[in-house]
């Protein structure tokens, strides 16, 4: 057992400082990362803004197309009800 401890102790001294330093770095940078993530969630990038605007415009164009189609159908029906044969 003591032989294993004698061999393992120097190896542990070589490996652990890197782990401790990495952990310390993670702890120190955590608030900065959290603040950056909060700022990212709170703001809208230009790309997101453009994407949302494009989606909004496509939906509006789809609604207008449906309304136009419905109005054309009603116009043709009124034309037929009036007795005209060529109602487009």
PDB file of N, CA and C in Angstrom:
ATOM      1  N   UNK A   1       0.818  -1.190   0.000  1.00  0.00           N
ATOM      2  CA  UNK A   1       0.000   0.000   0.000  1.00  0.00           C
ATOM      3  C   UNK A   1       0.864   1.258   0.000  1.00  0.00           C
ATOM      4  N   UNK A   2       1.924   1.241   0.794  1.00  0.00           N
ATOM      5  CA  UNK A   2       2.783   2.424   0.861  1.00  0.00           C
ATOM      6  C   UNK A   2       3.530   2.627  -0.445  1.00  0.00           C
ATOM      7  N   UNK A   3       3.830   1.514  -1.149  1.00  0.00           N
ATOM      8  CA  UNK A   3       4.506   1.655  -2.439  1.00  0.00           C
ATOM      9  C   UNK A   3       3.581   2.358  -3.437  1.00  0.00           C
ATOM     10  N   UNK A   4       2.312   1.987  -3.415  1.00  0.00           N
ATOM     11  CA  UNK A   4       1.334   2.609  -4.305  1.00  0.00           C
ATOM     12  C   UNK A   4       1.194   4.094  -3.979  1.00  0.00           C
ATOM     13  N   UNK A   5       1.165   4.426  -2.712  1.00  0.00           N
ATOM     14  CA  UNK A   5       1.053   5.813  -2.286  1.00  0.00           C
ATOM     15  C   UNK A   5       2.282   6.612  -2.699  1.00  0.00           C
ATOM     16  N   UNK A   6       3.446   5.995  -2.592  1.00  0.00           N
ATOM     17  CA  UNK A   6       4.684   6.675  -2.970  1.00  0.00           C
ATOM     18  C   UNK A   6       4.712   6.949  -4.470  1.00  0.00           C
ATOM     19  N   UNK A   7       4.176   6.038  -5.259  1.00  0.00           N
ATOM     20  CA  UNK A   7       4.143   6.226  -6.711  1.00  0.00           C
ATOM     21  C   UNK A   7       3.027   7.196  -7.108  1.00  0.00           C
ATOM     22  N   UNK A   8       1.885   7.110  -6.440  1.00  0.00           N
ATOM     23  CA  UNK A   8       0.723   7.909  -6.818  1.00  0.00           C
ATOM     24  C   UNK A   8       0.853   9.361  -6.390  1.00  0.00           C
ATOM     25  N   UNK A   9       1.530   9.638  -5.291  1.00  0.00           N
ATOM     26  CA  UNK A   9       1.611  11.002  -4.777  1.00  0.00           C
ATOM     27  C   UNK A   9       2.253  11.960  -5.778  1.00  0.00           C
ATOM     28  N   UNK A  10       3.411  11.654  -6.368  1.00  0.00           N
ATOM     29  CA  UNK A  10       3.976  12.597  -7.348  1.00  0.00           C
ATOM     30  C   UNK A  10       3.085  12.782  -8.579  1.00  0.00           C
ATOM     31  N   UNK A  11       2.424  11.698  -9.000  1.00  0.00           N
ATOM     32  CA  UNK A  11       1.516  11.816 -10.146  1.00  0.00           C
ATOM     33  C   UNK A  11       0.342  12.731  -9.820  1.00  0.00           C
ATOM     34  N   UNK A  12      -0.177  12.620  -8.613  1.00  0.00           N
ATOM     35  CA  UNK A  12      -1.294  13.461  -8.191  1.00  0.00           C
ATOM     36  C   UNK A  12      -0.869  14.925  -8.173  1.00  0.00           C
ATOM     37  N   UNK A  13       0.372  15.191  -7.732  1.00  0.00           N
ATOM     38  CA  UNK A  13       0.851  16.563  -7.689  1.00  0.00           C
ATOM     39  C   UNK A  13       0.990  17.157  -9.095  1.00  0.00           C
ATOM     40  N   UNK A  14       1.231  16.319 -10.070  1.00  0.00           N
ATOM     41  CA  UNK A  14       1.338  16.807 -11.438  1.00  0.00           C
ATOM     42  C   UNK A  14      -0.034  17.046 -12.072  1.00  0.00           C
ATOM     43  N   UNK A  15      -1.003  16.223 -11.724  1.00  0.00           N
ATOM     44  CA  UNK A  15      -2.316  16.276 -12.358  1.00  0.00           C
ATOM     45  C   UNK A  15      -3.246  17.281 -11.678  1.00  0.00           C
ATOM     46  N   UNK A  16      -3.273  17.316 -10.374  1.00  0.00           N
ATOM     47  CA  UNK A  16      -4.248  18.131  -9.653  1.00  0.00           C
ATOM     48  C   UNK A  16      -4.108  19.638  -9.841  1.00  0.00           C
ATOM     49  N   UNK A  17      -2.932  20.205  -9.921  1.00  0.00           N
ATOM     50  CA  UNK A  17      -2.874  21.667 -10.109  1.00  0.00           C
ATOM     51  C   UNK A  17      -3.600  22.123 -11.370  1.00  0.00           C
ATOM     52  N   UNK A  18      -3.554  21.354 -12.419  1.00  0.00           N
ATOM     53  CA  UNK A  18      -4.289  21.712 -13.633  1.00  0.00           C
ATOM     54  C   UNK A  18      -5.786  21.693 -13.401  1.00  0.00           C
ATOM     55  N   UNK A  19      -6.255  20.700 -12.664  1.00  0.00           N
ATOM     56  CA  UNK A  19      -7.688  20.606 -12.365  1.00  0.00           C
ATOM     57  C   UNK A  19      -8.123  21.758 -11.481  1.00  0.00           C
ATOM     58  N   UNK A  20      -7.313  22.071 -10.491  1.00  0.00           N
ATOM     59  CA  UNK A  20      -7.656  23.155  -9.574  1.00  0.00           C
ATOM     60  C   UNK A  20      -7.645  24.493 -10.312  1.00  0.00           C
ATOM     61  N   UNK A  21      -6.659  24.679 -11.173  1.00  0.00           N
ATOM     62  CA  UNK A  21      -6.590  25.924 -11.936  1.00  0.00           C
ATOM     63  C   UNK A  21      -7.782  26.038 -12.883  1.00  0.00           C
ATOM     64  N   UNK A  22      -8.153  24.959 -13.523  1.00  0.00           N
ATOM     65  CA  UNK A  22      -9.312  24.965 -14.430  1.00  0.00           C
ATOM     66  C   UNK A  22     -10.591  25.273 -13.667  1.00  0.00           C
ATOM     67  N   UNK A  23     -10.737  24.676 -12.504  1.00  0.00           N
ATOM     68  CA  UNK A  23     -11.922  24.921 -11.681  1.00  0.00           C
ATOM     69  C   UNK A  23     -11.960  26.373 -11.229  1.00  0.00           C
ATOM     70  N   UNK A  24     -10.816  26.902 -10.800  1.00  0.00           N
ATOM     71  CA  UNK A  24     -10.758  28.298 -10.370  1.00  0.00           C
ATOM     72  C   UNK A  24     -11.103  29.227 -11.534  1.00  0.00           C
ATOM     73  N   UNK A  25     -10.609  28.919 -12.712  1.00  0.00           N
ATOM     74  CA  UNK A  25     -10.921  29.730 -13.889  1.00  0.00           C
ATOM     75  C   UNK A  25     -12.415  29.672 -14.212  1.00  0.00           C
ATOM     76  N   UNK A  26     -13.003  28.502 -14.122  1.00  0.00           N
ATOM     77  CA  UNK A  26     -14.437  28.359 -14.378  1.00  0.00           C
ATOM     78  C   UNK A  26     -15.257  29.162 -13.370  1.00  0.00           C
ATOM     79  N   UNK A  27     -14.853  29.128 -12.106  1.00  0.00           N
ATOM     80  CA  UNK A  27     -15.586  29.854 -11.067  1.00  0.00           C
ATOM     81  C   UNK A  27     -15.475  31.361 -11.292  1.00  0.00           C
ATOM     82  N   UNK A  28     -14.309  31.822 -11.689  1.00  0.00           N
ATOM     83  CA  UNK A  28     -14.096  33.251 -11.896  1.00  0.00           C
ATOM     84  C   UNK A  28     -14.852  33.747 -13.127  1.00  0.00           C
ATOM     85  N   UNK A  29     -14.882  32.973 -14.190  1.00  0.00           N
ATOM     86  CA  UNK A  29     -15.521  33.436 -15.424  1.00  0.00           C
ATOM     87  C   UNK A  29     -17.025  33.173 -15.462  1.00  0.00           C
ATOM     88  N   UNK A  30     -17.552  32.432 -14.513  1.00  0.00           N
ATOM     89  CA  UNK A  30     -18.980  32.112 -14.506  1.00  0.00           C
ATOM     90  C   UNK A  30     -19.871  33.356 -14.475  1.00  0.00           C
ATOM     91  N   UNK A  31     -19.633  34.339 -13.611  1.00  0.00           N
ATOM     92  CA  UNK A  31     -20.503  35.532 -13.628  1.00  0.00           C
ATOM     93  C   UNK A  31     -20.452  36.287 -14.956  1.00  0.00           C
ATOM     94  N   UNK A  32     -19.282  36.321 -15.576  1.00  0.00           N
ATOM     95  CA  UNK A  32     -19.167  37.010 -16.865  1.00  0.00           C
ATOM     96  C   UNK A  32     -19.983  36.273 -17.921  1.00  0.00           C
ATOM     97  N   UNK A  33     -19.875  34.960 -17.941  1.00  0.00           N
ATOM     98  CA  UNK A  33     -20.648  34.169 -18.907  1.00  0.00           C
ATOM     99  C   UNK A  33     -22.145  34.322 -18.673  1.00  0.00           C
ATOM    100  N   UNK A  34     -22.538  34.318 -17.398  1.00  0.00           N
ATOM    101  CA  UNK A  34     -23.961  34.465 -17.074  1.00  0.00           C
ATOM    102  C   UNK A  34     -24.466  35.839 -17.516  1.00  0.00           C
ATOM    103  N   UNK A  35     -23.671  36.883 -17.293  1.00  0.00           N
ATOM    104  CA  UNK A  35     -24.066  38.227 -17.721  1.00  0.00           C
ATOM    105  C   UNK A  35     -24.166  38.335 -19.222  1.00  0.00           C
ATOM    106  N   UNK A  36     -23.231  37.730 -19.915  1.00  0.00           N
ATOM    107  CA  UNK A  36     -23.266  37.761 -21.374  1.00  0.00           C
ATOM    108  C   UNK A  36     -24.489  37.011 -21.901  1.00  0.00           C
ATOM    109  N   UNK A  37     -24.815  35.881 -21.298  1.00  0.00           N
ATOM    110  CA  UNK A  37     -25.986  35.113 -21.723  1.00  0.00           C
ATOM    111  C   UNK A  37     -27.267  35.898 -21.459  1.00  0.00           C
ATOM    112  N   UNK A  38     -27.336  36.567 -20.307  1.00  0.00           N
ATOM    113  CA  UNK A  38     -28.519  37.379 -19.992  1.00  0.00           C
ATOM    114  C   UNK A  38     -28.665  38.516 -20.999  1.00  0.00           C
ATOM    115  N   UNK A  39     -27.566  39.153 -21.357  1.00  0.00           N
ATOM    116  CA  UNK A  39     -27.614  40.225 -22.348  1.00  0.00           C
ATOM    117  C   UNK A  39     -28.045  39.680 -23.707  1.00  0.00           C
ATOM    118  N   UNK A  40     -27.593  38.494 -24.047  1.00  0.00           N
ATOM    119  CA  UNK A  40     -27.978  37.882 -25.315  1.00  0.00           C
ATOM    120  C   UNK A  40     -29.473  37.586 -25.338  1.00  0.00           C
ATOM    121  N   UNK A  41     -29.985  37.100 -24.229  1.00  0.00           N
ATOM    122  CA  UNK A  41     -31.424  36.819 -24.165  1.00  0.00           C
ATOM    123  C   UNK A  41     -32.255  38.100 -24.178  1.00  0.00           C
ATOM    124  N   UNK A  42     -31.727  39.168 -23.607  1.00  0.00           N
ATOM    125  CA  UNK A  42     -32.484  40.411 -23.476  1.00  0.00           C
ATOM    126  C   UNK A  42     -32.503  41.216 -24.769  1.00  0.00           C
ATOM    127  N   UNK A  43     -31.544  41.018 -25.642  1.00  0.00           N
ATOM    128  CA  UNK A  43     -31.464  41.814 -26.861  1.00  0.00           C
ATOM    129  C   UNK A  43     -31.797  40.954 -28.075  1.00  0.00           C
ATOM    130  N   UNK A  44     -32.166  41.629 -29.143  1.00  0.00           N
ATOM    131  CA  UNK A  44     -32.468  40.954 -30.398  1.00  0.00           C
ATOM    132  C   UNK A  44     -31.406  41.344 -31.413  1.00  0.00           C
ATOM    133  N   UNK A  45     -30.771  40.355 -31.994  1.00  0.00           N
ATOM    134  CA  UNK A  45     -29.746  40.642 -32.994  1.00  0.00           C
ATOM    135  C   UNK A  45     -30.408  41.102 -34.289  1.00  0.00           C
ATOM    136  N   UNK A  46     -29.610  41.690 -35.158  1.00  0.00           N
ATOM    137  CA  UNK A  46     -30.138  42.155 -36.450  1.00  0.00           C
ATOM    138  C   UNK A  46     -30.659  40.977 -37.261  1.00  0.00           C
ATOM    139  N   UNK A  47     -29.959  39.854 -37.188  1.00  0.00           N
ATOM    140  CA  UNK A  47     -30.400  38.665 -37.924  1.00  0.00           C
ATOM    141  C   UNK A  47     -31.761  38.186 -37.427  1.00  0.00           C
ATOM    142  N   UNK A  48     -31.935  38.157 -36.096  1.00  0.00           N
ATOM    143  CA  UNK A  48     -33.221  37.736 -35.547  1.00  0.00           C
ATOM    144  C   UNK A  48     -34.316  38.713 -35.933  1.00  0.00           C
ATOM    145  N   UNK A  49     -33.982  39.997 -35.890  1.00  0.00           N
ATOM    146  CA  UNK A  49     -34.951  41.020 -36.255  1.00  0.00           C
ATOM    147  C   UNK A  49     -35.377  40.871 -37.709  1.00  0.00           C
ATOM    148  N   UNK A  50     -34.412  40.655 -38.599  1.00  0.00           N
ATOM    149  CA  UNK A  50     -34.727  40.464 -40.017  1.00  0.00           C
ATOM    150  C   UNK A  50     -35.568  39.220 -40.235  1.00  0.00           C
ATOM    151  N   UNK A  51     -35.223  38.142 -39.538  1.00  0.00           N
ATOM    152  CA  UNK A  51     -35.964  36.891 -39.684  1.00  0.00           C
ATOM    153  C   UNK A  51     -37.408  37.070 -39.214  1.00  0.00           C
ATOM    154  N   UNK A  52     -37.579  37.737 -38.068  1.00  0.00           N
ATOM    155  CA  UNK A  52     -38.928  37.964 -37.551  1.00  0.00           C
ATOM    156  C   UNK A  52     -39.743  38.868 -38.473  1.00  0.00           C
ATOM    157  N   UNK A  53     -39.086  39.908 -39.024  1.00  0.00           N
ATOM    158  CA  UNK A  53     -39.782  40.809 -39.943  1.00  0.00           C
ATOM    159  C   UNK A  53     -40.203  40.063 -41.207  1.00  0.00           C
ATOM    160  N   UNK A  54     -39.309  39.224 -41.728  1.00  0.00           N
ATOM    161  CA  UNK A  54     -39.638  38.447 -42.913  1.00  0.00           C
ATOM    162  C   UNK A  54     -40.806  37.508 -42.672  1.00  0.00           C
ATOM    163  N   UNK A  55     -40.817  36.849 -41.516  1.00  0.00           N
ATOM    164  CA  UNK A  55     -41.922  35.955 -41.178  1.00  0.00           C
ATOM    165  C   UNK A  55     -43.223  36.738 -41.073  1.00  0.00           C
ATOM    166  N   UNK A  56     -43.153  37.899 -40.426  1.00  0.00           N
ATOM    167  CA  UNK A  56     -44.346  38.730 -40.271  1.00  0.00           C
ATOM    168  C   UNK A  56     -44.891  39.160 -41.629  1.00  0.00           C
ATOM    169  N   UNK A  57     -44.001  39.551 -42.543  1.00  0.00           N
ATOM    170  CA  UNK A  57     -44.440  39.988 -43.865  1.00  0.00           C
ATOM    171  C   UNK A  57     -45.023  38.827 -44.677  1.00  0.00           C
ATOM    172  N   UNK A  58     -44.418  37.648 -44.589  1.00  0.00           N
ATOM    173  CA  UNK A  58     -44.970  36.485 -45.310  1.00  0.00           C
ATOM    174  C   UNK A  58     -46.359  36.131 -44.793  1.00  0.00           C
ATOM    175  N   UNK A  59     -46.544  36.191 -43.473  1.00  0.00           N
ATOM    176  CA  UNK A  59     -47.863  35.893 -42.908  1.00  0.00           C
ATOM    177  C   UNK A  59     -48.884  36.930 -43.351  1.00  0.00           C
ATOM    178  N   UNK A  60     -48.478  38.205 -43.386  1.00  0.00           N
ATOM    179  CA  UNK A  60     -49.381  39.265 -43.827  1.00  0.00           C
ATOM    180  C   UNK A  60     -49.751  39.075 -45.294  1.00  0.00           C
ATOM    181  N   UNK A  61     -48.771  38.744 -46.131  1.00  0.00           N
ATOM    182  CA  UNK A  61     -49.054  38.510 -47.548  1.00  0.00           C
ATOM    183  C   UNK A  61     -49.981  37.317 -47.733  1.00  0.00           C
ATOM    184  N   UNK A  62     -49.821  36.285 -46.899  1.00  0.00           N
ATOM    185  CA  UNK A  62     -50.704  35.121 -46.986  1.00  0.00           C
ATOM    186  C   UNK A  62     -52.131  35.517 -46.607  1.00  0.00           C
ATOM    187  N   UNK A  63     -52.274  36.327 -45.551  1.00  0.00           N
ATOM    188  CA  UNK A  63     -53.617  36.782 -45.154  1.00  0.00           C
ATOM    189  C   UNK A  63     -54.255  37.621 -46.256  1.00  0.00           C
ATOM    190  N   UNK A  64     -53.456  38.541 -46.834  1.00  0.00           N
ATOM    191  CA  UNK A  64     -53.985  39.379 -47.909  1.00  0.00           C
ATOM    192  C   UNK A  64     -54.374  38.545 -49.122  1.00  0.00           C
ATOM    193  N   UNK A  65     -53.595  37.518 -49.422  1.00  0.00           N
ATOM    194  CA  UNK A  65     -53.928  36.641 -50.543  1.00  0.00           C
ATOM    195  C   UNK A  65     -55.239  35.908 -50.314  1.00  0.00           C
ATOM    196  N   UNK A  66     -55.440  35.413 -49.103  1.00  0.00           N
ATOM    197  CA  UNK A  66     -56.700  34.729 -48.780  1.00  0.00           C
ATOM    198  C   UNK A  66     -57.878  35.691 -48.867  1.00  0.00           C
ATOM    199  N   UNK A  67     -57.684  36.922 -48.357  1.00  0.00           N
ATOM    200  CA  UNK A  67     -58.761  37.910 -48.414  1.00  0.00           C
ATOM    201  C   UNK A  67     -59.083  38.274 -49.862  1.00  0.00           C
ATOM    202  N   UNK A  68     -58.042  38.422 -50.691  1.00  0.00           N
ATOM    203  CA  UNK A  68     -58.242  38.753 -52.103  1.00  0.00           C
ATOM    204  C   UNK A  68     -58.993  37.627 -52.807  1.00  0.00           C
ATOM    205  N   UNK A  69     -58.607  36.391 -52.524  1.00  0.00           N
ATOM    206  CA  UNK A  69     -59.269  35.243 -53.139  1.00  0.00           C
ATOM    207  C   UNK A  69     -60.745  35.179 -52.730  1.00  0.00           C
ATOM    208  N   UNK A  70     -60.996  35.435 -51.450  1.00  0.00           N
ATOM    209  CA  UNK A  70     -62.376  35.409 -50.953  1.00  0.00           C
ATOM    210  C   UNK A  70     -63.196  36.535 -51.589  1.00  0.00           C
ATOM    211  N   UNK A  71     -62.594  37.732 -51.721  1.00  0.00           N
ATOM    212  CA  UNK A  71     -63.298  38.864 -52.336  1.00  0.00           C
ATOM    213  C   UNK A  71     -63.588  38.583 -53.811  1.00  0.00           C
ATOM    214  N   UNK A  72     -62.632  37.979 -54.535  1.00  0.00           N
ATOM    215  CA  UNK A  72     -62.857  37.630 -55.936  1.00  0.00           C
ATOM    216  C   UNK A  72     -63.987  36.616 -56.070  1.00  0.00           C
ATOM    217  N   UNK A  73     -64.024  35.643 -55.182  1.00  0.00           N
ATOM    218  CA  UNK A  73     -65.075  34.626 -55.215  1.00  0.00           C
ATOM    219  C   UNK A  73     -66.443  35.272 -54.972  1.00  0.00           C
ATOM    220  N   UNK A  74     -66.498  36.185 -54.013  1.00  0.00           N
ATOM    221  CA  UNK A  74     -67.765  36.872 -53.731  1.00  0.00           C
ATOM    222  C   UNK A  74     -68.189  37.746 -54.909  1.00  0.00           C
ATOM    223  N   UNK A  75     -67.227  38.424 -55.533  1.00  0.00           N
ATOM    224  CA  UNK A  75     -67.518  39.271 -56.687  1.00  0.00           C
ATOM    225  C   UNK A  75     -68.085  38.439 -57.836  1.00  0.00           C
ATOM    226  N   UNK A  76     -67.460  37.271 -58.103  1.00  0.00           N
ATOM    227  CA  UNK A  76     -67.961  36.400 -59.175  1.00  0.00           C
ATOM    228  C   UNK A  76     -69.368  35.886 -58.847  1.00  0.00           C
ATOM    229  N   UNK A  77     -69.598  35.549 -57.572  1.00  0.00           N
ATOM    230  CA  UNK A  77     -70.921  35.052 -57.178  1.00  0.00           C
ATOM    231  C   UNK A  77     -71.970  36.146 -57.342  1.00  0.00           C
ATOM    232  N   UNK A  78     -71.640  37.369 -56.963  1.00  0.00           N
ATOM    233  CA  UNK A  78     -72.579  38.483 -57.126  1.00  0.00           C
ATOM    234  C   UNK A  78     -72.852  38.743 -58.610  1.00  0.00           C
ATOM    235  N   UNK A  79     -71.824  38.584 -59.415  1.00  0.00           N
ATOM    236  CA  UNK A  79     -71.989  38.775 -60.854  1.00  0.00           C
ATOM    237  C   UNK A  79     -72.943  37.730 -61.415  1.00  0.00           C
ATOM    238  N   UNK A  80     -72.749  36.455 -60.998  1.00  0.00           N
ATOM    239  CA  UNK A  80     -73.648  35.383 -61.462  1.00  0.00           C
ATOM    240  C   UNK A  80     -75.078  35.598 -60.948  1.00  0.00           C
ATOM    241  N   UNK A  81     -75.189  36.031 -59.700  1.00  0.00           N
ATOM    242  CA  UNK A  81     -76.520  36.274 -59.126  1.00  0.00           C
ATOM    243  C   UNK A  81     -77.241  37.404 -59.858  1.00  0.00           C
ATOM    244  N   UNK A  82     -76.478  38.334 -60.413  1.00  0.00           N
ATOM    245  CA  UNK A  82     -77.062  39.441 -61.167  1.00  0.00           C
ATOM    246  C   UNK A  82     -77.507  39.004 -62.556  1.00  0.00           C
ATOM    247  N   UNK A  83     -77.109  37.784 -62.967  1.00  0.00           N
ATOM    248  CA  UNK A  83     -77.582  37.261 -64.223  1.00  0.00           C
ATOM    249  C   UNK A  83     -76.576  37.338 -65.355  1.00  0.00           C
ATOM    250  N   UNK A  84     -75.371  37.704 -65.095  1.00  0.00           N
ATOM    251  CA  UNK A  84     -74.348  37.770 -66.128  1.00  0.00           C
ATOM    252  C   UNK A  84     -73.707  36.396 -66.322  1.00  0.00           C
ATOM    253  N   UNK A  85     -73.359  36.121 -67.590  1.00  0.00           N
ATOM    254  CA  UNK A  85     -72.749  34.808 -67.894  1.00  0.00           C
ATOM    255  C   UNK A  85     -71.220  34.837 -67.778  1.00  0.00           C
ATOM    256  N   UNK A  86     -70.598  35.915 -68.210  1.00  0.00           N
ATOM    257  CA  UNK A  86     -69.147  36.000 -68.238  1.00  0.00           C
ATOM    258  C   UNK A  86     -68.661  36.767 -67.002  1.00  0.00           C
ATOM    259  N   UNK A  87     -68.470  36.060 -65.897  1.00  0.00           N
ATOM    260  CA  UNK A  87     -68.125  36.729 -64.640  1.00  0.00           C
ATOM    261  C   UNK A  87     -66.670  36.489 -64.241  1.00  0.00           C
ATOM    262  N   UNK A  88     -65.835  36.054 -65.152  1.00  0.00           N
ATOM    263  CA  UNK A  88     -64.411  35.916 -64.929  1.00  0.00           C
ATOM    264  C   UNK A  88     -64.047  34.837 -64.033  1.00  0.00           C
TER     265      UNK A  88
END
